[in-house]
Amino acid sequence: MKPMKHKVKVQVPVEKRGLLGLKKTVMETRTIEVDDKTYKKMKKEQKNRPYSIEEMMLYDEIFDEWDS
């Protein structure tokens, strides 16, 4: 039996050269294939990760509307 493969989108830091030759690290989204064991581990870690700044700002906007 073949092991299960899952396609997962991940954000990877990539160094890019910008205007005037300045280097900047940006986050790019890429799709990778992982096996079943790694997929389960990644899902478990995803549940326990802290919120990003963008997520916090989004939740603030949503719950501020509820308070009004």
N, C-alpha and C. Protein backbone atom coordinates (compact mmCIF):
# COMPACT_ATOMS: atom_id res chain seq x y z
N MET A 1 0.84 -1.19 0.00
CA MET A 1 0.00 0.00 0.00
C MET A 1 0.88 1.25 0.00
N LYS A 2 0.53 2.22 -0.82
CA LYS A 2 1.29 3.46 -0.90
C LYS A 2 0.98 4.35 0.30
N PRO A 3 1.99 5.04 0.82
CA PRO A 3 1.70 5.99 1.91
C PRO A 3 0.90 7.17 1.39
N MET A 4 0.04 7.72 2.24
CA MET A 4 -0.80 8.86 1.88
C MET A 4 0.04 10.11 1.71
N LYS A 5 -0.25 10.89 0.69
CA LYS A 5 0.42 12.18 0.47
C LYS A 5 -0.60 13.29 0.61
N HIS A 6 -0.22 14.37 1.25
CA HIS A 6 -1.10 15.52 1.43
C HIS A 6 -0.43 16.75 0.85
N LYS A 7 -1.21 17.58 0.16
CA LYS A 7 -0.69 18.85 -0.35
C LYS A 7 -0.99 19.92 0.70
N VAL A 8 0.05 20.63 1.12
CA VAL A 8 -0.06 21.62 2.19
C VAL A 8 0.53 22.93 1.70
N LYS A 9 -0.16 24.04 2.01
CA LYS A 9 0.40 25.35 1.69
C LYS A 9 1.17 25.84 2.91
N VAL A 10 2.42 26.23 2.69
CA VAL A 10 3.26 26.73 3.78
C VAL A 10 3.84 28.09 3.39
N GLN A 11 4.12 28.91 4.40
CA GLN A 11 4.76 30.19 4.15
C GLN A 11 6.24 30.04 4.45
N VAL A 12 7.07 30.44 3.47
CA VAL A 12 8.51 30.28 3.57
C VAL A 12 9.16 31.65 3.46
N PRO A 13 10.11 31.98 4.37
CA PRO A 13 10.82 33.26 4.22
C PRO A 13 11.79 33.19 3.05
N VAL A 14 11.72 34.18 2.15
CA VAL A 14 12.57 34.24 0.96
C VAL A 14 13.21 35.61 0.90
N GLU A 15 14.52 35.64 0.62
CA GLU A 15 15.22 36.92 0.52
C GLU A 15 15.13 37.42 -0.92
N LYS A 16 14.61 38.64 -1.10
CA LYS A 16 14.45 39.21 -2.44
C LYS A 16 15.23 40.51 -2.53
N ARG A 17 15.66 40.82 -3.74
CA ARG A 17 16.37 42.07 -4.00
C ARG A 17 15.35 43.08 -4.50
N GLY A 18 15.27 44.20 -3.81
CA GLY A 18 14.29 45.22 -4.17
C GLY A 18 14.91 46.39 -4.89
N LEU A 19 14.25 47.50 -4.81
CA LEU A 19 14.70 48.73 -5.44
C LEU A 19 16.04 49.16 -4.85
N LEU A 20 16.92 49.65 -5.67
CA LEU A 20 18.26 50.12 -5.28
C LEU A 20 19.14 49.00 -4.73
N GLY A 21 18.80 47.76 -5.04
CA GLY A 21 19.62 46.62 -4.62
C GLY A 21 19.50 46.25 -3.16
N LEU A 22 18.48 46.77 -2.47
CA LEU A 22 18.29 46.43 -1.06
C LEU A 22 17.68 45.03 -0.95
N LYS A 23 18.19 44.25 -0.01
CA LYS A 23 17.65 42.90 0.20
C LYS A 23 16.60 42.95 1.29
N LYS A 24 15.52 42.22 1.06
CA LYS A 24 14.42 42.21 2.01
C LYS A 24 13.91 40.78 2.12
N THR A 25 13.56 40.35 3.33
CA THR A 25 13.01 39.02 3.53
C THR A 25 11.49 39.12 3.50
N VAL A 26 10.87 38.37 2.60
CA VAL A 26 9.42 38.35 2.48
C VAL A 26 8.92 36.92 2.64
N MET A 27 7.64 36.79 2.99
CA MET A 27 7.04 35.47 3.15
C MET A 27 6.31 35.09 1.86
N GLU A 28 6.66 33.94 1.29
CA GLU A 28 5.99 33.43 0.09
C GLU A 28 5.23 32.17 0.46
N THR A 29 4.06 32.00 -0.15
CA THR A 29 3.27 30.80 0.08
C THR A 29 3.59 29.79 -1.01
N ARG A 30 3.95 28.60 -0.60
CA ARG A 30 4.27 27.52 -1.54
C ARG A 30 3.50 26.27 -1.16
N THR A 31 3.23 25.43 -2.15
CA THR A 31 2.53 24.17 -1.92
C THR A 31 3.55 23.04 -1.92
N ILE A 32 3.53 22.23 -0.86
CA ILE A 32 4.44 21.09 -0.76
C ILE A 32 3.63 19.83 -0.50
N GLU A 33 4.22 18.68 -0.77
CA GLU A 33 3.60 17.40 -0.46
C GLU A 33 4.29 16.79 0.75
N VAL A 34 3.49 16.34 1.71
CA VAL A 34 4.04 15.72 2.91
C VAL A 34 3.36 14.37 3.12
N ASP A 35 4.04 13.49 3.87
CA ASP A 35 3.44 12.19 4.16
C ASP A 35 2.45 12.32 5.31
N ASP A 36 1.75 11.23 5.60
CA ASP A 36 0.67 11.24 6.58
C ASP A 36 1.15 11.61 7.98
N LYS A 37 2.29 11.07 8.38
CA LYS A 37 2.83 11.31 9.72
C LYS A 37 3.17 12.80 9.91
N THR A 38 3.84 13.39 8.91
CA THR A 38 4.20 14.80 8.98
C THR A 38 2.96 15.68 8.96
N TYR A 39 1.96 15.29 8.16
CA TYR A 39 0.72 16.06 8.05
C TYR A 39 0.02 16.14 9.40
N LYS A 40 -0.09 15.01 10.09
CA LYS A 40 -0.73 14.99 11.41
C LYS A 40 0.04 15.85 12.40
N LYS A 41 1.37 15.79 12.35
CA LYS A 41 2.20 16.59 13.24
C LYS A 41 1.99 18.09 12.97
N MET A 42 1.93 18.47 11.69
CA MET A 42 1.73 19.87 11.33
C MET A 42 0.36 20.37 11.78
N LYS A 43 -0.68 19.54 11.63
CA LYS A 43 -2.02 19.94 12.07
C LYS A 43 -2.06 20.16 13.58
N LYS A 44 -1.36 19.29 14.32
CA LYS A 44 -1.33 19.41 15.77
C LYS A 44 -0.62 20.70 16.19
N GLU A 45 0.51 21.01 15.53
CA GLU A 45 1.25 22.24 15.83
C GLU A 45 0.43 23.48 15.46
N GLN A 46 -0.35 23.39 14.40
CA GLN A 46 -1.15 24.52 13.94
C GLN A 46 -2.17 24.94 15.00
N LYS A 47 -2.74 23.97 15.69
CA LYS A 47 -3.73 24.27 16.72
C LYS A 47 -3.10 25.02 17.90
N ASN A 48 -1.84 24.75 18.20
CA ASN A 48 -1.19 25.30 19.38
C ASN A 48 -0.39 26.57 19.12
N ARG A 49 -0.36 27.06 17.88
CA ARG A 49 0.47 28.23 17.58
C ARG A 49 -0.21 29.52 18.04
N PRO A 50 0.56 30.54 18.36
CA PRO A 50 -0.02 31.83 18.75
C PRO A 50 -0.59 32.55 17.53
N TYR A 51 -1.49 33.50 17.79
CA TYR A 51 -2.08 34.28 16.71
C TYR A 51 -1.05 35.23 16.12
N SER A 52 -1.15 35.47 14.82
CA SER A 52 -0.29 36.47 14.18
C SER A 52 -0.90 37.85 14.40
N ILE A 53 -0.13 38.89 14.12
CA ILE A 53 -0.61 40.26 14.30
C ILE A 53 -1.82 40.53 13.40
N GLU A 54 -1.76 40.03 12.15
CA GLU A 54 -2.87 40.24 11.23
C GLU A 54 -4.15 39.60 11.75
N GLU A 55 -4.03 38.39 12.31
CA GLU A 55 -5.21 37.71 12.86
C GLU A 55 -5.77 38.48 14.05
N MET A 56 -4.90 38.99 14.91
CA MET A 56 -5.37 39.75 16.07
C MET A 56 -6.13 40.99 15.63
N MET A 57 -5.59 41.70 14.62
CA MET A 57 -6.25 42.91 14.13
C MET A 57 -7.62 42.56 13.53
N LEU A 58 -7.70 41.46 12.81
CA LEU A 58 -8.96 41.03 12.22
C LEU A 58 -9.98 40.72 13.31
N TYR A 59 -9.56 39.97 14.34
CA TYR A 59 -10.48 39.63 15.43
C TYR A 59 -10.92 40.88 16.19
N ASP A 60 -10.02 41.86 16.37
CA ASP A 60 -10.39 43.12 17.02
C ASP A 60 -11.49 43.82 16.24
N GLU A 61 -11.36 43.87 14.91
CA GLU A 61 -12.38 44.51 14.08
C GLU A 61 -13.72 43.79 14.21
N ILE A 62 -13.68 42.47 14.17
CA ILE A 62 -14.92 41.69 14.25
C ILE A 62 -15.62 41.92 15.58
N PHE A 63 -14.87 41.83 16.70
CA PHE A 63 -15.50 41.93 18.01
C PHE A 63 -15.84 43.36 18.39
N ASP A 64 -15.17 44.35 17.79
CA ASP A 64 -15.55 45.75 18.02
C ASP A 64 -16.93 46.02 17.42
N GLU A 65 -17.23 45.38 16.29
CA GLU A 65 -18.55 45.55 15.68
C GLU A 65 -19.63 44.96 16.58
N TRP A 66 -19.33 43.87 17.28
CA TRP A 66 -20.31 43.25 18.17
C TRP A 66 -20.62 44.14 19.37
N ASP A 67 -19.61 44.89 19.84
CA ASP A 67 -19.79 45.74 21.01
C ASP A 67 -20.67 46.94 20.71
N SER A 68 -20.73 47.36 19.47
CA SER A 68 -21.50 48.55 19.10
C SER A 68 -22.98 48.32 19.16
